[in-house]
Protein backbone atom coordinates (compact mmCIF):
# COMPACT_ATOMS: atom_id res chain seq x y z
CA MET A 1 14.56 64.55 -84.29
CA LYS A 2 15.79 61.66 -86.62
CA LYS A 3 12.01 60.08 -86.33
CA LEU A 4 10.88 63.65 -87.89
CA ILE A 5 13.72 63.64 -90.32
CA SER A 6 12.74 60.02 -91.49
CA MET A 7 9.01 60.67 -91.88
CA LEU A 8 9.70 64.03 -93.71
CA LEU A 9 11.88 62.03 -96.10
CA ILE A 10 9.53 59.06 -96.53
CA LEU A 11 6.76 61.63 -97.27
CA PHE A 12 9.16 63.27 -99.74
CA VAL A 13 9.91 60.01 -101.70
CA LEU A 14 6.23 58.89 -101.65
CA MET A 15 5.27 62.51 -103.11
CA ASN A 16 7.61 62.11 -105.82
CA THR A 17 6.73 58.53 -106.61
CA ALA A 18 3.17 59.60 -107.15
CA VAL A 19 4.10 62.55 -109.30
CA PHE A 20 6.63 60.26 -111.45
CA ALA A 21 4.15 57.52 -111.74
CA GLN A 22 1.46 59.96 -113.16
CA GLU A 23 3.89 61.76 -115.51
CA THR A 24 4.75 58.02 -116.80
CA ASP A 25 1.08 57.53 -117.24
CA GLN A 26 0.63 60.43 -119.17
CA SER A 27 3.64 59.79 -121.18
CA LYS A 28 2.36 56.25 -122.28
CA ALA A 29 -1.21 57.71 -123.15
CA VAL A 30 0.58 60.47 -125.11
CA PHE A 31 2.81 58.09 -127.14
CA GLU A 32 -0.03 55.31 -127.79
CA LEU A 33 -2.37 58.25 -129.17
CA GLN A 34 0.62 59.60 -131.39
CA SER A 35 1.62 56.12 -132.67
CA LEU A 36 -1.99 55.66 -133.84
CA GLY A 37 -2.21 59.20 -135.36
CA ILE A 38 -4.81 60.46 -132.98
CA LEU A 39 -2.76 62.97 -131.48
CA ARG A 40 -0.40 64.91 -134.15
CA ALA A 41 2.18 67.47 -133.53
CA ASP A 42 2.35 70.64 -135.17
CA GLU A 43 4.54 71.81 -138.38
CA ASN A 44 7.37 71.96 -135.91
CA GLY A 45 7.02 68.39 -134.50
CA ASP A 46 5.97 69.71 -131.02
CA LEU A 47 2.92 68.24 -129.40
CA ASN A 48 2.64 71.41 -127.32
CA LEU A 49 1.36 69.14 -124.36
CA ASP A 50 1.74 72.10 -121.90
CA LYS A 51 -0.75 74.21 -123.88
CA GLU A 52 -4.52 74.51 -124.18
CA MET A 53 -6.13 72.70 -126.87
CA THR A 54 -8.80 74.40 -129.23
CA ARG A 55 -12.28 73.06 -129.77
CA ALA A 56 -11.28 72.78 -133.51
CA GLU A 57 -7.97 70.72 -132.50
CA PHE A 58 -10.25 68.64 -130.40
CA ALA A 59 -12.63 68.03 -133.22
CA ALA A 60 -9.90 66.53 -135.01
CA VAL A 61 -8.69 64.46 -132.34
CA VAL A 62 -12.09 62.93 -131.85
CA VAL A 63 -12.68 62.25 -135.71
CA ARG A 64 -9.38 60.45 -135.43
CA LEU A 65 -10.13 58.60 -132.53
CA LEU A 66 -13.40 57.34 -134.40
CA ASN A 67 -11.30 56.46 -137.43
CA MET A 68 -13.83 58.78 -139.38
CA GLU A 69 -11.18 60.95 -141.52
CA LEU A 70 -12.31 59.62 -144.77
CA VAL A 71 -16.25 60.10 -143.77
CA ALA A 72 -15.27 63.41 -142.44
CA ASP A 73 -13.83 64.70 -145.95
CA SER A 74 -17.68 64.00 -147.38
CA VAL A 75 -18.72 67.00 -145.40
CA LYS A 76 -15.94 69.38 -145.62
CA GLY A 77 -17.51 72.05 -147.92
CA GLU A 78 -20.53 72.52 -145.66
CA ARG A 79 -21.24 75.55 -144.25
CA ILE A 80 -23.16 74.69 -140.77
CA PHE A 81 -21.48 77.41 -138.35
CA THR A 82 -21.08 81.03 -139.12
CA ASP A 83 -17.49 81.11 -137.91
CA VAL A 84 -16.43 77.88 -139.56
CA PRO A 85 -15.20 78.95 -142.89
CA ALA A 86 -15.82 76.00 -145.68
CA ASP A 87 -12.37 76.00 -146.33
CA ALA A 88 -10.71 75.83 -142.97
CA TRP A 89 -8.64 72.82 -142.20
CA TYR A 90 -10.92 71.77 -139.34
CA THR A 91 -14.32 72.35 -140.93
CA SER A 92 -14.84 68.52 -142.17
CA TYR A 93 -14.15 67.46 -138.25
CA VAL A 94 -16.41 69.90 -137.03
CA ASN A 95 -19.32 69.26 -139.53
CA LEU A 96 -18.69 65.58 -138.82
CA LEU A 97 -19.09 65.75 -135.04
CA TYR A 98 -22.07 68.08 -135.46
CA HIS A 99 -23.97 65.45 -138.02
CA PHE A 100 -23.26 62.53 -135.41
CA ASP A 101 -24.83 64.73 -132.73
CA ILE A 102 -21.60 64.62 -130.74
CA MET A 103 -20.13 68.14 -130.67
CA HIS A 104 -22.20 71.58 -131.18
CA GLY A 105 -22.16 75.09 -131.34
CA ASP A 106 -23.03 77.97 -128.82
CA GLY A 107 -26.72 77.55 -130.02
CA GLU A 108 -26.64 81.11 -131.76
CA GLY A 109 -25.00 79.61 -135.02
CA ALA A 110 -21.24 79.81 -133.83
CA PHE A 111 -18.80 76.96 -133.03
CA ARG A 112 -16.06 78.93 -131.40
CA PRO A 113 -13.26 76.86 -132.94
CA ASP A 114 -10.53 79.09 -131.46
CA ASP A 115 -12.04 79.11 -127.93
CA ASN A 116 -10.24 76.63 -125.81
CA VAL A 117 -12.02 73.54 -124.88
CA THR A 118 -13.08 72.76 -121.32
CA GLN A 119 -12.68 69.73 -119.29
CA ASN A 120 -16.75 69.38 -119.06
CA GLU A 121 -16.83 69.78 -122.92
CA VAL A 122 -14.10 66.96 -123.45
CA VAL A 123 -16.04 64.46 -121.01
CA LYS A 124 -19.21 65.08 -122.59
CA VAL A 125 -17.98 64.37 -125.95
CA LEU A 126 -16.11 61.34 -125.19
CA LEU A 127 -19.20 60.03 -123.40
CA CYS A 128 -21.00 60.60 -126.69
CA CYS A 129 -18.38 58.84 -128.50
CA ILE A 130 -18.57 55.45 -126.64
CA GLY A 131 -22.61 55.51 -126.09
CA TYR A 132 -22.78 56.93 -122.47
CA GLY A 133 -24.17 60.15 -123.58
CA THR A 134 -28.09 59.30 -122.88
CA VAL A 135 -27.29 57.79 -119.65
CA ALA A 136 -25.11 60.62 -118.52
CA TYR A 137 -28.02 63.44 -119.67
CA GLN A 138 -30.51 60.80 -117.51
CA GLN A 139 -28.21 61.19 -114.70
CA GLY A 140 -28.16 64.93 -114.44
CA GLY A 141 -27.46 66.42 -118.16
CA TYR A 142 -24.83 68.89 -118.75
CA PRO A 143 -22.27 68.96 -117.05
CA ASN A 144 -22.95 67.11 -113.62
CA GLY A 145 -24.58 63.87 -115.18
CA TYR A 146 -21.47 63.52 -117.57
CA ILE A 147 -18.79 64.66 -114.98
CA ALA A 148 -20.34 61.80 -112.79
CA MET A 149 -20.42 59.14 -115.26
CA GLY A 150 -16.94 60.22 -116.79
CA SER A 151 -15.76 59.99 -113.16
CA SER A 152 -17.54 56.45 -112.70
CA LEU A 153 -15.84 55.26 -115.91
CA GLY A 154 -12.33 56.19 -115.10
CA LEU A 155 -12.05 59.03 -117.63
CA TYR A 156 -10.30 61.43 -115.06
CA LYS A 157 -7.58 59.00 -114.10
CA ASN A 158 -4.38 60.55 -114.05
CA VAL A 159 -5.71 63.74 -115.06
CA ASN A 160 -4.15 67.03 -113.52
CA ALA A 161 -6.94 69.44 -114.30
CA SER A 162 -8.87 70.59 -111.47
CA ALA A 163 -10.92 73.23 -112.95
CA SER A 164 -13.82 71.55 -115.12
CA SER A 165 -15.33 74.69 -116.43
CA GLY A 166 -11.86 76.07 -117.55
CA ALA A 167 -9.42 75.33 -120.14
CA ILE A 168 -7.66 72.06 -120.20
CA LEU A 169 -4.18 71.16 -121.33
CA ARG A 170 -3.35 69.05 -124.28
CA SER A 171 -1.57 66.59 -122.13
CA ASP A 172 -5.02 66.09 -120.06
CA VAL A 173 -7.03 65.79 -123.09
CA ALA A 174 -4.65 63.14 -124.15
CA GLN A 175 -4.79 61.15 -121.04
CA MET A 176 -8.92 61.50 -120.97
CA VAL A 177 -8.82 60.31 -124.67
CA TYR A 178 -6.48 57.32 -123.79
CA ASN A 179 -8.60 56.65 -120.76
CA THR A 180 -11.79 56.32 -122.95
């Protein structure tokens, strides 16, 4: 009985250590991205890490990651997508990523800025940002080639999300951006 209790105690400690390590790694990612101005809090100072991220919000994160906010201002007034108003806060980000062939709409003229970004979309966009988009496309395209390439490059390290086609939490987006 003592051996069983000892084993269970050891298992419990190991499991909690792994969870703590993952939370610490994500905290580091969030801190660094926030320090660099890539990840920003809302008007109340909240990062909303336990909430999903929209496609518009992700576009802003990517443009900041690329340090291209000033360039984005040059395409602010353009009307590329039917559901992206020329005066929306995210228009310049969406337009810039479209012009750089990094992020696209639904093929029917809409960008869907208020839809939640998915893990598959995040990995595709990040790979395109770092020059692996063509290779991932050649290895199977969207989404399988991008998933495989993202996995081999460690983009999923310390990411909690398991459903690649579903919405992804802001904390996991931050970790994937950090891993890039």
